[in-house]
Amino acid sequence: MRPKEDRQGWVAFQYQQTGQETPSLLFVYRLNDGAVRRSFCLENLDHFKEYTVQSEIENDVVRIYQGHDLMDIGISVDLPRPNSHAAFVIKSL
């Protein structure tokens, strides 16, 4: 996948092994975009399960979400600098 020619916007990739209880990974890239915050909805989670979300940036902070919230509302990502990235590990409880 290539970003738009003007290199604006955000790009996100969710990696998961379908049907497995292994963690999912979410990689987010902010290109040369003016917005410092964006939300990303995840796919193929269990609506009724709880999940932990841990950021590579805030290694010691683990947040707990309901599956339906991660799929409907998403994970809010703050990246203050253009051309920066974040990664998250999502595990079911």
N, C-alpha and C. Protein backbone atom coordinates (compact mmCIF):
# COMPACT_ATOMS: atom_id res chain seq x y z
N MET A 1 0.83 -1.16 0.00
CA MET A 1 0.00 0.00 0.00
C MET A 1 0.89 1.24 0.00
N ARG A 2 0.55 2.19 -0.84
CA ARG A 2 1.30 3.45 -0.91
C ARG A 2 0.45 4.59 -0.41
N PRO A 3 1.06 5.55 0.27
CA PRO A 3 0.30 6.75 0.66
C PRO A 3 -0.02 7.58 -0.57
N LYS A 4 -0.95 8.50 -0.40
CA LYS A 4 -1.30 9.40 -1.50
C LYS A 4 -0.05 10.14 -1.96
N GLU A 5 -0.07 10.59 -3.18
CA GLU A 5 1.09 11.28 -3.76
C GLU A 5 1.50 12.50 -2.97
N ASP A 6 0.55 13.17 -2.30
CA ASP A 6 0.90 14.38 -1.55
C ASP A 6 1.43 14.05 -0.15
N ARG A 7 1.47 12.78 0.20
CA ARG A 7 2.02 12.31 1.49
C ARG A 7 1.26 12.88 2.69
N GLN A 8 -0.04 13.14 2.51
CA GLN A 8 -0.89 13.63 3.58
C GLN A 8 -1.65 12.46 4.20
N GLY A 9 -2.15 12.66 5.40
CA GLY A 9 -3.03 11.67 6.03
C GLY A 9 -2.30 10.77 7.01
N TRP A 10 -2.96 9.68 7.34
CA TRP A 10 -2.46 8.67 8.28
C TRP A 10 -2.60 7.30 7.63
N VAL A 11 -1.78 6.36 8.06
CA VAL A 11 -1.86 4.98 7.58
C VAL A 11 -1.83 4.07 8.80
N ALA A 12 -2.69 3.05 8.82
CA ALA A 12 -2.70 2.11 9.94
C ALA A 12 -2.83 0.68 9.39
N PHE A 13 -2.13 -0.24 10.05
CA PHE A 13 -2.17 -1.65 9.70
C PHE A 13 -2.48 -2.46 10.95
N GLN A 14 -3.45 -3.35 10.88
CA GLN A 14 -3.75 -4.25 11.98
C GLN A 14 -3.32 -5.65 11.56
N TYR A 15 -2.47 -6.25 12.36
CA TYR A 15 -2.01 -7.62 12.10
C TYR A 15 -2.60 -8.54 13.16
N GLN A 16 -3.24 -9.61 12.72
CA GLN A 16 -3.77 -10.58 13.66
C GLN A 16 -3.85 -11.94 13.00
N GLN A 17 -3.76 -12.96 13.84
CA GLN A 17 -3.88 -14.33 13.37
C GLN A 17 -5.31 -14.76 13.65
N THR A 18 -6.13 -14.83 12.61
CA THR A 18 -7.54 -15.12 12.76
C THR A 18 -7.76 -16.47 13.45
N GLY A 19 -8.68 -16.47 14.41
CA GLY A 19 -9.04 -17.70 15.09
C GLY A 19 -8.07 -18.11 16.19
N GLN A 20 -7.09 -17.30 16.47
CA GLN A 20 -6.09 -17.62 17.49
C GLN A 20 -6.23 -16.65 18.66
N GLU A 21 -5.76 -17.06 19.80
CA GLU A 21 -5.76 -16.19 20.98
C GLU A 21 -4.44 -15.42 21.10
N THR A 22 -3.71 -15.31 20.01
CA THR A 22 -2.45 -14.57 20.03
C THR A 22 -2.73 -13.07 19.95
N PRO A 23 -1.83 -12.24 20.46
CA PRO A 23 -2.06 -10.79 20.42
C PRO A 23 -2.14 -10.25 18.99
N SER A 24 -2.88 -9.17 18.84
CA SER A 24 -2.92 -8.42 17.59
C SER A 24 -1.95 -7.26 17.71
N LEU A 25 -1.50 -6.77 16.58
CA LEU A 25 -0.63 -5.60 16.55
C LEU A 25 -1.29 -4.53 15.70
N LEU A 26 -1.18 -3.29 16.14
CA LEU A 26 -1.66 -2.16 15.36
C LEU A 26 -0.49 -1.20 15.18
N PHE A 27 -0.14 -0.94 13.91
CA PHE A 27 0.90 0.02 13.58
C PHE A 27 0.23 1.23 12.94
N VAL A 28 0.58 2.42 13.43
CA VAL A 28 -0.02 3.66 12.94
C VAL A 28 1.10 4.60 12.52
N TYR A 29 0.92 5.21 11.35
CA TYR A 29 1.89 6.18 10.84
C TYR A 29 1.16 7.49 10.52
N ARG A 30 1.69 8.57 11.06
CA ARG A 30 1.19 9.89 10.68
C ARG A 30 2.13 10.42 9.61
N LEU A 31 1.57 10.69 8.46
CA LEU A 31 2.37 11.26 7.38
C LEU A 31 2.44 12.77 7.60
N ASN A 32 2.60 13.53 6.57
CA ASN A 32 2.68 14.99 6.68
C ASN A 32 1.27 15.55 6.77
N ASP A 33 0.62 15.32 7.91
CA ASP A 33 -0.78 15.69 8.09
C ASP A 33 -0.90 16.67 9.25
N GLY A 34 -1.84 17.60 9.18
CA GLY A 34 -2.01 18.61 10.22
C GLY A 34 -2.65 18.10 11.50
N ALA A 35 -3.45 17.04 11.42
CA ALA A 35 -4.13 16.52 12.61
C ALA A 35 -3.14 15.78 13.51
N VAL A 36 -3.19 16.07 14.81
CA VAL A 36 -2.28 15.40 15.75
C VAL A 36 -2.92 14.19 16.42
N ARG A 37 -4.23 14.02 16.26
CA ARG A 37 -4.94 12.89 16.87
C ARG A 37 -5.89 12.27 15.86
N ARG A 38 -5.98 10.94 15.92
CA ARG A 38 -6.90 10.22 15.04
C ARG A 38 -7.29 8.93 15.72
N SER A 39 -8.49 8.44 15.47
CA SER A 39 -8.96 7.17 16.03
C SER A 39 -8.99 6.11 14.94
N PHE A 40 -8.65 4.88 15.34
CA PHE A 40 -8.61 3.75 14.41
C PHE A 40 -9.42 2.60 14.97
N CYS A 41 -10.43 2.18 14.23
CA CYS A 41 -11.27 1.05 14.65
C CYS A 41 -10.61 -0.25 14.25
N LEU A 42 -10.66 -1.22 15.16
CA LEU A 42 -10.09 -2.54 14.90
C LEU A 42 -11.14 -3.45 14.30
N GLU A 43 -10.70 -4.56 13.75
CA GLU A 43 -11.60 -5.51 13.11
C GLU A 43 -11.43 -6.90 13.71
N ASN A 44 -12.47 -7.72 13.55
CA ASN A 44 -12.44 -9.15 13.88
C ASN A 44 -12.11 -9.44 15.34
N LEU A 45 -12.63 -8.62 16.25
CA LEU A 45 -12.51 -8.91 17.67
C LEU A 45 -13.84 -9.45 18.16
N ASP A 46 -13.87 -10.00 19.36
CA ASP A 46 -15.10 -10.48 19.98
C ASP A 46 -15.76 -9.29 20.67
N HIS A 47 -16.99 -8.99 20.28
CA HIS A 47 -17.71 -7.84 20.85
C HIS A 47 -17.79 -7.90 22.37
N PHE A 48 -17.87 -9.09 22.94
CA PHE A 48 -18.15 -9.24 24.36
C PHE A 48 -16.92 -9.48 25.22
N LYS A 49 -15.75 -9.63 24.62
CA LYS A 49 -14.52 -9.84 25.38
C LYS A 49 -13.90 -8.51 25.78
N GLU A 50 -13.05 -8.59 26.82
CA GLU A 50 -12.23 -7.45 27.19
C GLU A 50 -10.84 -7.65 26.61
N TYR A 51 -10.21 -6.54 26.26
CA TYR A 51 -8.88 -6.55 25.66
C TYR A 51 -7.98 -5.55 26.37
N THR A 52 -6.72 -5.89 26.49
CA THR A 52 -5.73 -4.92 26.96
C THR A 52 -5.06 -4.31 25.73
N VAL A 53 -4.74 -3.04 25.84
CA VAL A 53 -4.03 -2.34 24.78
C VAL A 53 -2.82 -1.69 25.42
N GLN A 54 -1.65 -2.04 24.89
CA GLN A 54 -0.40 -1.49 25.41
C GLN A 54 0.35 -0.82 24.28
N SER A 55 0.76 0.43 24.54
CA SER A 55 1.48 1.22 23.54
C SER A 55 2.97 1.02 23.69
N GLU A 56 3.69 1.02 22.58
CA GLU A 56 5.15 0.95 22.63
C GLU A 56 5.73 2.20 23.27
N ILE A 57 5.03 3.32 23.18
CA ILE A 57 5.51 4.58 23.71
C ILE A 57 5.34 4.61 25.23
N GLU A 58 4.18 4.16 25.71
CA GLU A 58 3.89 4.13 27.15
C GLU A 58 3.95 2.68 27.61
N ASN A 59 5.12 2.09 27.60
CA ASN A 59 5.30 0.67 27.85
C ASN A 59 4.64 0.17 29.12
N ASP A 60 4.64 0.97 30.17
CA ASP A 60 4.12 0.52 31.44
C ASP A 60 2.61 0.76 31.60
N VAL A 61 1.98 1.44 30.64
CA VAL A 61 0.56 1.75 30.73
C VAL A 61 -0.23 0.73 29.90
N VAL A 62 -1.13 0.02 30.59
CA VAL A 62 -2.00 -0.93 29.91
C VAL A 62 -3.44 -0.48 30.13
N ARG A 63 -4.17 -0.32 29.05
CA ARG A 63 -5.57 0.09 29.15
C ARG A 63 -6.46 -1.10 28.80
N ILE A 64 -7.63 -1.15 29.42
CA ILE A 64 -8.57 -2.24 29.17
C ILE A 64 -9.79 -1.67 28.44
N TYR A 65 -10.19 -2.36 27.36
CA TYR A 65 -11.33 -1.95 26.54
C TYR A 65 -12.24 -3.14 26.30
N GLN A 66 -13.49 -2.85 26.03
CA GLN A 66 -14.43 -3.86 25.56
C GLN A 66 -14.22 -4.03 24.05
N GLY A 67 -14.39 -5.23 23.55
CA GLY A 67 -14.21 -5.49 22.12
C GLY A 67 -15.06 -4.59 21.25
N HIS A 68 -16.33 -4.39 21.66
CA HIS A 68 -17.21 -3.56 20.84
C HIS A 68 -16.73 -2.11 20.79
N ASP A 69 -16.10 -1.63 21.87
CA ASP A 69 -15.56 -0.26 21.84
C ASP A 69 -14.38 -0.14 20.89
N LEU A 70 -13.52 -1.14 20.88
CA LEU A 70 -12.36 -1.11 19.97
C LEU A 70 -12.79 -1.16 18.51
N MET A 71 -13.90 -1.86 18.25
CA MET A 71 -14.36 -1.97 16.86
C MET A 71 -15.23 -0.79 16.43
N ASP A 72 -16.00 -0.22 17.37
CA ASP A 72 -16.93 0.85 17.01
C ASP A 72 -16.36 2.25 17.21
N ILE A 73 -15.60 2.44 18.29
CA ILE A 73 -15.03 3.76 18.61
C ILE A 73 -13.57 3.82 18.21
N GLY A 74 -12.83 2.75 18.49
CA GLY A 74 -11.43 2.65 18.08
C GLY A 74 -10.45 3.08 19.15
N ILE A 75 -9.19 3.04 18.78
CA ILE A 75 -8.09 3.48 19.63
C ILE A 75 -7.71 4.88 19.17
N SER A 76 -7.69 5.80 20.12
CA SER A 76 -7.29 7.18 19.82
C SER A 76 -5.77 7.27 19.90
N VAL A 77 -5.17 7.78 18.84
CA VAL A 77 -3.71 7.86 18.74
C VAL A 77 -3.30 9.32 18.60
N ASP A 78 -2.39 9.75 19.48
CA ASP A 78 -1.82 11.10 19.42
C ASP A 78 -0.39 11.00 18.91
N LEU A 79 -0.11 11.68 17.81
CA LEU A 79 1.25 11.76 17.29
C LEU A 79 1.53 13.23 16.98
N PRO A 80 2.21 13.94 17.89
CA PRO A 80 2.40 15.38 17.73
C PRO A 80 3.27 15.79 16.55
N ARG A 81 4.15 14.90 16.09
CA ARG A 81 5.06 15.27 14.99
C ARG A 81 4.65 14.58 13.69
N PRO A 82 4.69 15.30 12.58
CA PRO A 82 4.48 14.65 11.28
C PRO A 82 5.55 13.59 11.04
N ASN A 83 5.22 12.62 10.23
CA ASN A 83 6.13 11.54 9.85
C ASN A 83 6.62 10.76 11.08
N SER A 84 5.70 10.47 11.99
CA SER A 84 6.01 9.69 13.18
C SER A 84 5.11 8.46 13.23
N HIS A 85 5.33 7.59 14.19
CA HIS A 85 4.60 6.33 14.25
C HIS A 85 4.31 5.91 15.69
N ALA A 86 3.43 4.93 15.83
CA ALA A 86 3.14 4.30 17.11
C ALA A 86 2.77 2.86 16.83
N ALA A 87 2.99 2.01 17.83
CA ALA A 87 2.61 0.59 17.72
C ALA A 87 1.91 0.17 19.00
N PHE A 88 0.92 -0.70 18.87
CA PHE A 88 0.13 -1.17 20.00
C PHE A 88 0.00 -2.69 19.95
N VAL A 89 0.01 -3.30 21.14
CA VAL A 89 -0.24 -4.73 21.28
C VAL A 89 -1.62 -4.88 21.91
N ILE A 90 -2.48 -5.67 21.28
CA ILE A 90 -3.84 -5.89 21.76
C ILE A 90 -3.99 -7.35 22.13
N LYS A 91 -4.33 -7.63 23.41
CA LYS A 91 -4.47 -9.00 23.90
C LYS A 91 -5.84 -9.20 24.52
N SER A 92 -6.44 -10.35 24.29
CA SER A 92 -7.73 -10.64 24.93
C SER A 92 -7.49 -11.11 26.35
N LEU A 93 -8.42 -10.79 27.24
CA LEU A 93 -8.34 -11.22 28.64
C LEU A 93 -9.06 -12.54 28.82
